[in-house]
Amino acid sequence: MSGTNREWRREWKEGLFKGKQEGLLEGIELGLELKYSFAGLELMNIVRAINTIDKLEEFKNLIKKADSIDELKDFLGRIV
Protein backbone atom coordinates (compact mmCIF):
# COMPACT_ATOMS: atom_id res chain seq x y z
CA MET A 1 0.00 0.00 0.00
CA SER A 2 1.40 3.38 -0.91
CA GLY A 3 1.99 6.15 1.59
CA THR A 4 -0.76 8.21 -0.02
CA ASN A 5 -3.24 5.37 0.40
CA ARG A 6 -2.30 4.90 4.04
CA GLU A 7 -2.60 8.60 4.70
CA TRP A 8 -6.03 8.70 3.08
CA ARG A 9 -7.21 5.72 5.13
CA ARG A 10 -5.96 7.31 8.38
CA GLU A 11 -7.66 10.60 7.57
CA TRP A 12 -10.87 8.76 6.68
CA LYS A 13 -10.88 6.94 10.04
CA GLU A 14 -10.18 10.19 11.89
CA GLY A 15 -13.07 11.82 10.04
CA LEU A 16 -15.43 9.02 11.04
CA PHE A 17 -14.35 9.33 14.67
CA LYS A 18 -14.78 13.12 14.68
CA GLY A 19 -18.21 12.87 13.07
CA LYS A 20 -19.39 10.28 15.60
CA GLN A 21 -17.92 12.33 18.45
CA GLU A 22 -19.61 15.55 17.30
CA GLY A 23 -22.96 13.80 16.87
CA LEU A 24 -22.76 12.30 20.35
CA LEU A 25 -21.80 15.64 21.89
CA GLU A 26 -24.76 17.34 20.21
CA GLY A 27 -27.12 14.61 21.43
CA ILE A 28 -25.71 14.75 24.94
CA GLU A 29 -26.04 18.52 25.02
CA LEU A 30 -29.68 18.30 23.95
CA GLY A 31 -30.42 15.59 26.51
CA LEU A 32 -28.81 17.57 29.31
CA GLU A 33 -30.68 20.72 28.35
CA LEU A 34 -34.05 18.99 28.10
CA LYS A 35 -33.72 17.01 31.31
CA TYR A 36 -31.71 19.35 33.55
CA SER A 37 -31.92 22.79 31.90
CA PHE A 38 -29.00 25.15 32.55
CA ALA A 39 -27.57 22.96 35.31
CA GLY A 40 -27.17 20.17 32.76
CA LEU A 41 -25.56 22.42 30.19
CA GLU A 42 -22.95 23.42 32.75
CA LEU A 43 -21.58 19.86 32.50
CA MET A 44 -20.73 20.20 28.81
CA ASN A 45 -17.21 21.54 29.40
CA ILE A 46 -16.42 18.37 31.32
CA VAL A 47 -18.23 16.16 28.79
CA ARG A 48 -16.12 17.60 25.97
CA ALA A 49 -13.03 16.27 27.76
CA ILE A 50 -14.24 12.69 27.24
CA ASN A 51 -12.04 11.31 24.48
CA THR A 52 -13.58 7.93 23.67
CA ILE A 53 -16.76 7.12 21.80
CA ASP A 54 -17.56 4.32 24.27
CA LYS A 55 -17.53 6.66 27.27
CA LEU A 56 -19.60 9.28 25.43
CA GLU A 57 -22.18 6.63 24.56
CA GLU A 58 -22.16 5.40 28.15
CA PHE A 59 -22.75 8.93 29.40
CA LYS A 60 -25.52 9.52 26.85
CA ASN A 61 -27.30 6.40 28.07
CA LEU A 62 -26.83 7.44 31.69
CA ILE A 63 -28.65 10.72 31.01
CA LYS A 64 -31.76 8.70 30.15
CA LYS A 65 -31.58 6.57 33.31
CA ALA A 66 -30.25 9.02 35.89
CA ASP A 67 -32.59 10.20 38.62
CA SER A 68 -30.46 13.23 39.43
CA ILE A 69 -27.74 15.37 37.99
CA ASP A 70 -25.51 14.19 40.84
CA GLU A 71 -25.39 10.73 39.23
CA LEU A 72 -24.03 12.33 36.08
CA LYS A 73 -21.47 14.35 38.03
CA ASP A 74 -20.31 11.20 39.84
CA PHE A 75 -19.84 9.41 36.52
CA LEU A 76 -17.88 12.31 35.06
CA GLY A 77 -15.74 12.52 38.19
CA ARG A 78 -14.73 8.90 37.75
CA ILE A 79 -13.84 9.02 34.06
CA VAL A 80 -12.43 12.49 33.39
C-alpha atoms as a PDB file:
ATOM      1  CA  MET A   1       0.000   0.000   0.000  1.00  0.00           C
ATOM      2  CA  SER A   2       1.403   3.383  -0.914  1.00  0.00           C
ATOM      3  CA  GLY A   3       1.987   6.146   1.588  1.00  0.00           C
ATOM      4  CA  THR A   4      -0.762   8.212  -0.018  1.00  0.00           C
ATOM      5  CA  ASN A   5      -3.238   5.374   0.397  1.00  0.00           C
ATOM      6  CA  ARG A   6      -2.296   4.897   4.040  1.00  0.00           C
ATOM      7  CA  GLU A   7      -2.596   8.596   4.700  1.00  0.00           C
ATOM      8  CA  TRP A   8      -6.029   8.697   3.077  1.00  0.00           C
ATOM      9  CA  ARG A   9      -7.213   5.715   5.126  1.00  0.00           C
ATOM     10  CA  ARG A  10      -5.958   7.309   8.384  1.00  0.00           C
ATOM     11  CA  GLU A  11      -7.664  10.600   7.572  1.00  0.00           C
ATOM     12  CA  TRP A  12     -10.873   8.762   6.684  1.00  0.00           C
ATOM     13  CA  LYS A  13     -10.879   6.939  10.044  1.00  0.00           C
ATOM     14  CA  GLU A  14     -10.181  10.191  11.888  1.00  0.00           C
ATOM     15  CA  GLY A  15     -13.075  11.818  10.044  1.00  0.00           C
ATOM     16  CA  LEU A  16     -15.427   9.018  11.036  1.00  0.00           C
ATOM     17  CA  PHE A  17     -14.353   9.328  14.673  1.00  0.00           C
ATOM     18  CA  LYS A  18     -14.782  13.116  14.681  1.00  0.00           C
ATOM     19  CA  GLY A  19     -18.209  12.872  13.069  1.00  0.00           C
ATOM     20  CA  LYS A  20     -19.389  10.284  15.598  1.00  0.00           C
ATOM     21  CA  GLN A  21     -17.925  12.335  18.450  1.00  0.00           C
ATOM     22  CA  GLU A  22     -19.609  15.551  17.296  1.00  0.00           C
ATOM     23  CA  GLY A  23     -22.955  13.801  16.875  1.00  0.00           C
ATOM     24  CA  LEU A  24     -22.763  12.302  20.351  1.00  0.00           C
ATOM     25  CA  LEU A  25     -21.795  15.643  21.888  1.00  0.00           C
ATOM     26  CA  GLU A  26     -24.758  17.340  20.215  1.00  0.00           C
ATOM     27  CA  GLY A  27     -27.121  14.614  21.426  1.00  0.00           C
ATOM     28  CA  ILE A  28     -25.714  14.747  24.938  1.00  0.00           C
ATOM     29  CA  GLU A  29     -26.041  18.522  25.017  1.00  0.00           C
ATOM     30  CA  LEU A  30     -29.677  18.303  23.950  1.00  0.00           C
ATOM     31  CA  GLY A  31     -30.416  15.595  26.514  1.00  0.00           C
ATOM     32  CA  LEU A  32     -28.807  17.573  29.307  1.00  0.00           C
ATOM     33  CA  GLU A  33     -30.685  20.718  28.347  1.00  0.00           C
ATOM     34  CA  LEU A  34     -34.054  18.987  28.097  1.00  0.00           C
ATOM     35  CA  LYS A  35     -33.724  17.007  31.313  1.00  0.00           C
ATOM     36  CA  TYR A  36     -31.706  19.354  33.553  1.00  0.00           C
ATOM     37  CA  SER A  37     -31.919  22.788  31.900  1.00  0.00           C
ATOM     38  CA  PHE A  38     -29.002  25.155  32.553  1.00  0.00           C
ATOM     39  CA  ALA A  39     -27.569  22.956  35.310  1.00  0.00           C
ATOM     40  CA  GLY A  40     -27.173  20.169  32.760  1.00  0.00           C
ATOM     41  CA  LEU A  41     -25.556  22.421  30.190  1.00  0.00           C
ATOM     42  CA  GLU A  42     -22.950  23.422  32.748  1.00  0.00           C
ATOM     43  CA  LEU A  43     -21.582  19.862  32.501  1.00  0.00           C
ATOM     44  CA  MET A  44     -20.732  20.197  28.814  1.00  0.00           C
ATOM     45  CA  ASN A  45     -17.211  21.544  29.403  1.00  0.00           C
ATOM     46  CA  ILE A  46     -16.416  18.367  31.320  1.00  0.00           C
ATOM     47  CA  VAL A  47     -18.230  16.156  28.793  1.00  0.00           C
ATOM     48  CA  ARG A  48     -16.120  17.599  25.970  1.00  0.00           C
ATOM     49  CA  ALA A  49     -13.028  16.269  27.755  1.00  0.00           C
ATOM     50  CA  ILE A  50     -14.238  12.685  27.237  1.00  0.00           C
ATOM     51  CA  ASN A  51     -12.038  11.314  24.479  1.00  0.00           C
ATOM     52  CA  THR A  52     -13.578   7.931  23.668  1.00  0.00           C
ATOM     53  CA  ILE A  53     -16.760   7.118  21.804  1.00  0.00           C
ATOM     54  CA  ASP A  54     -17.564   4.316  24.268  1.00  0.00           C
ATOM     55  CA  LYS A  55     -17.526   6.664  27.270  1.00  0.00           C
ATOM     56  CA  LEU A  56     -19.597   9.282  25.427  1.00  0.00           C
ATOM     57  CA  GLU A  57     -22.183   6.631  24.565  1.00  0.00           C
ATOM     58  CA  GLU A  58     -22.156   5.397  28.153  1.00  0.00           C
ATOM     59  CA  PHE A  59     -22.748   8.934  29.405  1.00  0.00           C
ATOM     60  CA  LYS A  60     -25.518   9.523  26.848  1.00  0.00           C
ATOM     61  CA  ASN A  61     -27.303   6.396  28.070  1.00  0.00           C
ATOM     62  CA  LEU A  62     -26.831   7.445  31.687  1.00  0.00           C
ATOM     63  CA  ILE A  63     -28.646  10.716  31.010  1.00  0.00           C
ATOM     64  CA  LYS A  64     -31.762   8.703  30.147  1.00  0.00           C
ATOM     65  CA  LYS A  65     -31.576   6.573  33.313  1.00  0.00           C
ATOM     66  CA  ALA A  66     -30.251   9.020  35.893  1.00  0.00           C
ATOM     67  CA  ASP A  67     -32.594  10.199  38.617  1.00  0.00           C
ATOM     68  CA  SER A  68     -30.460  13.231  39.431  1.00  0.00           C
ATOM     69  CA  ILE A  69     -27.738  15.374  37.990  1.00  0.00           C
ATOM     70  CA  ASP A  70     -25.510  14.188  40.840  1.00  0.00           C
ATOM     71  CA  GLU A  71     -25.394  10.729  39.231  1.00  0.00           C
ATOM     72  CA  LEU A  72     -24.029  12.332  36.077  1.00  0.00           C
ATOM     73  CA  LYS A  73     -21.473  14.354  38.035  1.00  0.00           C
ATOM     74  CA  ASP A  74     -20.311  11.199  39.837  1.00  0.00           C
ATOM     75  CA  PHE A  75     -19.838   9.408  36.517  1.00  0.00           C
ATOM     76  CA  LEU A  76     -17.880  12.309  35.062  1.00  0.00           C
ATOM     77  CA  GLY A  77     -15.740  12.524  38.188  1.00  0.00           C
ATOM     78  CA  ARG A  78     -14.729   8.897  37.753  1.00  0.00           C
ATOM     79  CA  ILE A  79     -13.840   9.018  34.060  1.00  0.00           C
ATOM     80  CA  VAL A  80     -12.432  12.494  33.394  1.00  0.00           C
END
